[in-house]
Amino acid sequence: MANSFSHLLPAPHDIMAAQPWEQPTDLIQAKVLLSRLRSSITRQARTEFFHSKSKMQSVLLLTHTVWSKMEQEMLDNLITSGRANTTH
């Protein structure tokens, strides 16, 4: 059943194959292609800067740390006073 849709997807070697570049025929089209290339590079750099793996990992680590402290505090409060109050 899972392989019933596999014929709709392109083969992996087709995706990774070298794609032919669009060749400009005049100066206007060359400028359009160059602007597309520049915007693609800029978009990729911006995405890497704002969503870098190290930044995402540090946010996840901080979230995990705060969540763990809150969980421990709830457990301590539940054991000592019978209520699960937290200050975070």
Protein backbone atom coordinates (compact mmCIF):
# COMPACT_ATOMS: atom_id res chain seq x y z
CA MET A 1 0.00 0.00 0.00
CA ALA A 2 2.81 2.42 0.87
CA ASN A 3 4.46 1.84 -2.52
CA SER A 4 1.29 2.53 -4.49
CA PHE A 5 2.19 6.24 -4.85
CA SER A 6 5.90 5.75 -5.49
CA HIS A 7 5.36 5.88 -9.25
CA LEU A 8 4.19 9.51 -8.88
CA LEU A 9 7.50 10.68 -7.39
CA PRO A 10 10.55 11.35 -9.56
CA ALA A 11 13.43 8.94 -9.22
CA PRO A 12 16.18 10.16 -6.82
CA HIS A 13 18.84 10.06 -9.54
CA ASP A 14 16.65 12.35 -11.70
CA ILE A 15 16.45 14.94 -8.93
CA MET A 16 20.20 14.95 -8.29
CA ALA A 17 21.16 15.00 -11.98
CA ALA A 18 22.71 18.15 -13.39
CA GLN A 19 20.01 20.51 -14.58
CA PRO A 20 20.56 22.56 -17.72
CA TRP A 21 20.98 26.28 -17.08
CA GLU A 22 18.65 28.69 -18.78
CA GLN A 23 20.73 30.68 -21.24
CA PRO A 24 19.87 34.35 -21.76
CA THR A 25 19.15 35.47 -25.29
CA ASP A 26 19.48 39.22 -24.69
CA LEU A 27 20.63 41.73 -22.07
CA ILE A 28 17.21 42.14 -20.45
CA GLN A 29 16.79 38.41 -19.92
CA ALA A 30 20.37 38.19 -18.60
CA LYS A 31 19.58 40.87 -16.00
CA VAL A 32 16.42 39.01 -14.97
CA LEU A 33 18.32 35.75 -14.56
CA LEU A 34 21.09 37.49 -12.61
CA SER A 35 18.57 39.12 -10.27
CA ARG A 36 16.96 35.71 -9.64
CA LEU A 37 20.36 34.25 -8.81
CA ARG A 38 21.20 37.13 -6.45
CA SER A 39 17.85 36.92 -4.66
CA SER A 40 18.24 33.16 -4.29
CA ILE A 41 21.70 33.55 -2.74
CA THR A 42 20.46 36.37 -0.48
CA ARG A 43 17.43 34.33 0.61
CA GLN A 44 19.62 31.32 1.38
CA ALA A 45 22.09 33.43 3.40
CA ARG A 46 19.26 35.13 5.31
CA THR A 47 17.64 31.80 6.12
CA GLU A 48 20.96 30.38 7.31
CA PHE A 49 21.62 33.46 9.47
CA PHE A 50 18.21 33.63 11.13
CA HIS A 51 17.56 29.89 11.34
CA SER A 52 21.03 28.49 11.89
CA LYS A 53 21.32 25.10 13.56
CA SER A 54 23.33 26.48 16.47
CA LYS A 55 20.69 29.12 17.25
CA MET A 56 17.88 26.58 17.04
CA GLN A 57 19.76 24.14 19.26
CA SER A 58 20.45 26.82 21.88
CA VAL A 59 16.76 27.81 21.96
CA LEU A 60 15.72 24.17 22.29
CA LEU A 61 18.25 23.63 25.09
CA LEU A 62 17.03 26.72 26.95
CA THR A 63 13.41 25.62 26.54
CA HIS A 64 14.24 22.15 27.79
CA THR A 65 16.12 23.58 30.80
CA VAL A 66 13.26 25.89 31.82
CA TRP A 67 10.69 23.15 31.28
CA SER A 68 12.70 20.71 33.40
CA LYS A 69 13.05 23.24 36.22
CA MET A 70 9.32 23.96 36.11
CA GLU A 71 8.52 20.25 36.16
CA GLN A 72 10.83 19.68 39.12
CA GLU A 73 9.32 22.65 40.97
CA MET A 74 5.81 21.30 40.36
CA LEU A 75 6.84 17.89 41.66
CA ASP A 76 8.49 19.40 44.76
CA ASN A 77 5.41 21.53 45.49
CA LEU A 78 3.13 18.55 44.99
CA ILE A 79 5.17 16.48 47.44
CA THR A 80 5.52 19.20 50.11
CA SER A 81 2.19 21.04 49.97
CA GLY A 82 -0.12 18.83 47.93
CA ARG A 83 -0.43 21.50 45.18
CA ALA A 84 1.48 21.89 41.92
CA ASN A 85 2.20 25.64 41.94
CA THR A 86 5.03 27.02 39.84
CA THR A 87 6.69 30.42 39.65
CA HIS A 88 7.92 30.28 36.04
